[in-house]
């Protein structure tokens, strides 16, 4: 069982556990059963805190601020832990958040998080500084009618034409992995004048190093 596994790991006296698991809320449960500090590396469709931190750092490096920025998060919002964590951190930091996607991929209760909901790219991208694209998570989609990939790209895939709906100097982000030609045009994804995707990867190393250093140096505070 998971409890047996955690008991065994706890006996090894690790400083930090990094947990990715399909069960939502599992990291919090584990943190109550082990002495080590626990980092949530993704729990189902719930949260992905370090991804949100690295995205925030990428944005801060580019814009030198958060307050007043308008950010669009587009795609499979319903099944995205990245969307939830980014909405939480970026809205807390003063950003305005638009979520864009098919009705079937936007959860009904998402508006409670203070976001603006749009079902088309033209209206949703208006005056946005950042356009964050998300992949369709086919492995989590059950019983939902979905357009085929060609139809999806036509309506919700980001290319240069749709990016023009945003601000003139808007940038593109994506947490990866990308489905090129489905949610994002391949040339746009690789365009270093508009895409921050590789910078996100770079910031990911720095953020996770920082998290580990803080937790290891403050284990008495953050562990059990």
Protein backbone atom coordinates (compact mmCIF):
# COMPACT_ATOMS: atom_id res chain seq x y z
CA UNK A 1 0.00 0.00 0.00
CA UNK A 2 0.97 3.65 -0.24
CA UNK A 3 1.16 3.80 3.56
CA UNK A 4 3.62 0.89 3.58
CA UNK A 5 5.72 2.62 0.94
CA UNK A 6 5.80 5.88 2.90
CA UNK A 7 6.67 4.04 6.12
CA UNK A 8 9.59 2.36 4.36
CA UNK A 9 10.82 5.61 2.82
CA UNK A 10 10.46 7.41 6.14
CA UNK A 11 12.78 4.83 7.72
CA UNK A 12 15.48 5.89 5.26
CA UNK A 13 15.39 9.41 6.77
CA UNK A 14 15.29 11.46 3.54
CA UNK A 15 15.40 15.25 3.81
CA UNK A 16 12.93 15.82 0.97
CA UNK A 17 10.35 13.76 -0.90
CA UNK A 18 9.30 14.87 -4.38
CA UNK A 19 5.91 13.38 -5.18
CA UNK A 20 4.01 13.12 -8.46
CA UNK A 21 0.86 11.02 -8.22
CA UNK A 22 -2.52 10.76 -10.01
CA UNK A 23 -4.47 11.10 -6.76
CA UNK A 24 -5.47 14.67 -5.91
CA UNK A 25 -4.30 15.86 -2.50
CA UNK A 26 -1.90 12.95 -2.03
CA UNK A 27 1.13 15.14 -1.25
CA UNK A 28 -0.64 16.66 1.73
CA UNK A 29 -1.58 13.20 3.02
CA UNK A 30 1.99 12.00 2.65
CA UNK A 31 3.36 15.07 4.44
CA UNK A 32 1.42 14.01 7.53
CA UNK A 33 2.97 10.53 7.60
CA UNK A 34 6.68 11.24 7.00
CA UNK A 35 9.29 13.38 8.71
CA UNK A 36 10.73 14.68 5.45
CA UNK A 37 9.68 17.85 3.67
CA UNK A 38 7.34 17.07 0.77
CA UNK A 39 7.26 18.82 -2.61
CA UNK A 40 4.13 18.38 -4.70
CA UNK A 41 5.38 17.73 -8.24
CA UNK A 42 1.83 17.33 -9.53
CA UNK A 43 -1.22 15.61 -8.04
CA UNK A 44 -3.70 14.55 -10.70
CA UNK A 45 -5.59 17.54 -12.13
CA UNK A 46 -5.27 19.43 -8.85
CA UNK A 47 -2.04 21.43 -8.50
CA UNK A 48 1.52 21.83 -9.80
CA UNK A 49 3.10 24.46 -7.52
CA UNK A 50 6.68 24.48 -8.85
CA UNK A 51 5.45 24.92 -12.44
CA UNK A 52 3.48 27.98 -11.34
CA UNK A 53 6.53 29.34 -9.51
CA UNK A 54 8.78 28.96 -12.55
CA UNK A 55 6.12 30.52 -14.78
CA UNK A 56 5.85 33.47 -12.40
CA UNK A 57 9.64 33.88 -12.38
CA UNK A 58 9.71 33.78 -16.20
CA UNK A 59 7.07 36.52 -16.35
CA UNK A 60 8.84 38.64 -13.72
CA UNK A 61 12.13 38.39 -15.60
CA UNK A 62 10.50 39.56 -18.83
CA UNK A 63 8.14 42.27 -17.53
CA UNK A 64 9.76 43.26 -14.20
CA UNK A 65 6.29 43.35 -12.65
CA UNK A 66 3.03 41.44 -12.16
CA UNK A 67 0.47 44.07 -11.24
CA UNK A 68 -1.62 45.12 -14.22
CA UNK A 69 -0.54 42.29 -16.51
CA UNK A 70 -3.27 40.44 -18.40
CA UNK A 71 -2.67 36.75 -18.93
CA UNK A 72 -4.65 34.31 -21.06
CA UNK A 73 -4.57 30.60 -20.21
CA UNK A 74 -5.89 28.62 -23.16
CA UNK A 75 -6.82 25.01 -23.75
CA UNK A 76 -7.76 22.11 -21.51
CA UNK A 77 -8.43 24.08 -18.33
CA UNK A 78 -10.60 21.36 -16.81
CA UNK A 79 -7.87 18.75 -16.52
CA UNK A 80 -4.89 21.05 -15.99
CA UNK A 81 -3.12 21.24 -12.64
CA UNK A 82 -0.88 23.90 -14.21
CA UNK A 83 -3.88 26.14 -14.89
CA UNK A 84 -5.11 25.95 -11.30
CA UNK A 85 -1.73 26.69 -9.75
CA UNK A 86 -1.01 29.53 -12.17
CA UNK A 87 -4.41 31.11 -11.60
CA UNK A 88 -3.78 31.05 -7.86
CA UNK A 89 -0.28 32.50 -7.86
CA UNK A 90 -0.64 35.01 -10.70
CA UNK A 91 -3.94 36.45 -9.48
CA UNK A 92 -2.44 36.77 -5.99
CA UNK A 93 0.46 38.72 -7.51
CA UNK A 94 -1.91 41.17 -9.23
CA UNK A 95 -2.44 39.74 -12.70
CA UNK A 96 -5.79 39.59 -14.48
CA UNK A 97 -6.54 36.10 -15.81
CA UNK A 98 -8.59 35.07 -18.86
CA UNK A 99 -9.29 31.39 -19.45
CA UNK A 100 -10.13 30.30 -22.99
CA UNK A 101 -11.28 26.99 -24.41
CA UNK A 102 -14.21 24.86 -25.51
CA UNK A 103 -17.08 24.79 -23.01
CA UNK A 104 -16.44 21.09 -22.44
CA UNK A 105 -12.89 21.84 -21.25
CA UNK A 106 -13.64 24.72 -18.88
CA UNK A 107 -14.93 23.65 -15.43
CA UNK A 108 -18.17 25.23 -14.31
CA UNK A 109 -16.75 26.41 -10.98
CA UNK A 110 -13.60 28.06 -12.38
CA UNK A 111 -15.16 31.52 -12.16
CA UNK A 112 -14.96 31.25 -8.37
CA UNK A 113 -11.22 31.75 -8.75
CA UNK A 114 -11.78 35.25 -10.12
CA UNK A 115 -11.03 34.56 -13.78
CA UNK A 116 -12.75 35.79 -16.91
CA UNK A 117 -14.12 33.02 -19.15
CA UNK A 118 -14.06 33.09 -22.95
CA UNK A 119 -15.02 30.50 -25.52
CA UNK A 120 -13.17 32.03 -28.47
CA UNK A 121 -9.63 33.26 -28.98
CA UNK A 122 -10.45 36.61 -30.55
CA UNK A 123 -12.23 37.98 -27.49
CA UNK A 124 -10.17 36.11 -24.92
CA UNK A 125 -6.79 37.32 -26.16
CA UNK A 126 -7.72 41.00 -26.41
CA UNK A 127 -5.12 43.20 -24.65
CA UNK A 128 -3.28 40.19 -23.18
CA UNK A 129 0.43 40.44 -22.34
CA UNK A 130 0.99 36.68 -22.04
CA UNK A 131 -0.70 33.79 -23.82
CA UNK A 132 -0.17 30.51 -21.97
CA UNK A 133 -1.15 27.46 -23.99
CA UNK A 134 -2.07 24.08 -22.51
CA UNK A 135 -2.20 20.67 -24.15
CA UNK A 136 -5.34 18.57 -24.42
CA UNK A 137 -4.94 15.87 -21.78
CA UNK A 138 -6.45 12.96 -23.68
CA UNK A 139 -5.51 10.52 -20.92
CA UNK A 140 -7.89 12.29 -18.51
CA UNK A 141 -10.78 13.00 -20.89
CA UNK A 142 -13.69 10.61 -20.43
CA UNK A 143 -17.17 11.02 -21.89
CA UNK A 144 -16.51 14.48 -23.35
CA UNK A 145 -17.23 15.35 -26.97
CA UNK A 146 -14.08 16.75 -28.54
CA UNK A 147 -13.38 18.19 -32.00
CA UNK A 148 -10.67 16.45 -34.00
CA UNK A 149 -7.17 17.91 -33.88
CA UNK A 150 -7.57 19.86 -37.13
CA UNK A 151 -10.82 21.48 -35.94
CA UNK A 152 -9.34 22.20 -32.52
CA UNK A 153 -6.32 23.97 -33.99
CA UNK A 154 -8.55 26.05 -36.25
CA UNK A 155 -10.57 27.32 -33.27
CA UNK A 156 -8.17 27.24 -30.33
CA UNK A 157 -4.67 26.55 -31.63
CA UNK A 158 -2.32 29.51 -31.30
CA UNK A 159 -0.65 30.78 -34.45
CA UNK A 160 0.62 34.20 -35.51
CA UNK A 161 -2.82 35.23 -36.75
CA UNK A 162 -4.51 34.55 -33.41
CA UNK A 163 -1.59 35.98 -31.44
CA UNK A 164 -2.28 39.28 -33.23
CA UNK A 165 -5.50 39.53 -31.18
CA UNK A 166 -3.31 40.06 -28.10
CA UNK A 167 -1.03 43.03 -27.45
CA UNK A 168 1.53 43.81 -30.11
CA UNK A 169 4.41 42.68 -27.89
CA UNK A 170 2.63 39.71 -26.27
CA UNK A 171 4.65 36.60 -25.44
CA UNK A 172 3.78 32.91 -25.63
CA UNK A 173 4.26 30.33 -22.87
CA UNK A 174 3.64 26.58 -22.60
CA UNK A 175 4.40 24.25 -19.66
CA UNK A 176 5.08 21.31 -21.98
CA UNK A 177 4.89 18.78 -23.36
CA UNK A 178 3.65 20.47 -26.52
CA UNK A 179 1.39 18.98 -29.16
CA UNK A 180 2.69 20.91 -32.14
CA UNK A 181 -0.01 21.71 -34.65
CA UNK A 182 -2.77 21.04 -32.11
CA UNK A 183 -2.65 23.77 -29.45
CA UNK A 184 0.29 25.72 -30.87
CA UNK A 185 1.90 26.37 -34.23
CA UNK A 186 5.37 24.87 -34.41
CA UNK A 187 7.07 27.97 -35.87
CA UNK A 188 5.55 30.20 -33.20
CA UNK A 189 6.63 27.85 -30.42
CA UNK A 190 10.23 28.06 -31.65
CA UNK A 191 10.24 31.82 -32.34
CA UNK A 192 12.54 33.21 -29.64
CA UNK A 193 11.27 36.75 -30.28
CA UNK A 194 7.76 35.75 -29.14
CA UNK A 195 8.11 32.48 -27.24
CA UNK A 196 9.27 32.17 -23.61
CA UNK A 197 9.04 28.37 -23.60
CA UNK A 198 12.78 27.70 -23.39
CA UNK A 199 13.12 30.37 -20.69
CA UNK A 200 10.47 28.50 -18.71
CA UNK A 201 12.62 25.38 -18.86
CA UNK A 202 15.65 27.33 -17.66
CA UNK A 203 13.71 28.93 -14.81
CA UNK A 204 12.44 25.49 -13.82
CA UNK A 205 15.94 24.39 -12.85
CA UNK A 206 16.52 27.53 -10.75
CA UNK A 207 13.15 27.36 -8.98
CA UNK A 208 13.48 23.69 -8.07
CA UNK A 209 17.05 24.19 -6.84
CA UNK A 210 15.79 27.05 -4.67
CA UNK A 211 12.93 24.96 -3.27
CA UNK A 212 15.30 22.14 -2.36
CA UNK A 213 17.81 24.49 -0.74
CA UNK A 214 15.15 26.26 1.33
CA UNK A 215 13.57 23.02 2.52
CA UNK A 216 16.84 21.22 3.29
CA UNK A 217 18.19 24.21 5.22
CA UNK A 218 14.93 24.62 7.13
CA UNK A 219 13.86 21.01 7.61
CA UNK A 220 12.88 21.60 11.25
CA UNK A 221 10.46 24.30 10.10
CA UNK A 222 8.90 22.59 7.08
CA UNK A 223 9.21 18.89 7.96
CA UNK A 224 7.55 16.94 10.77
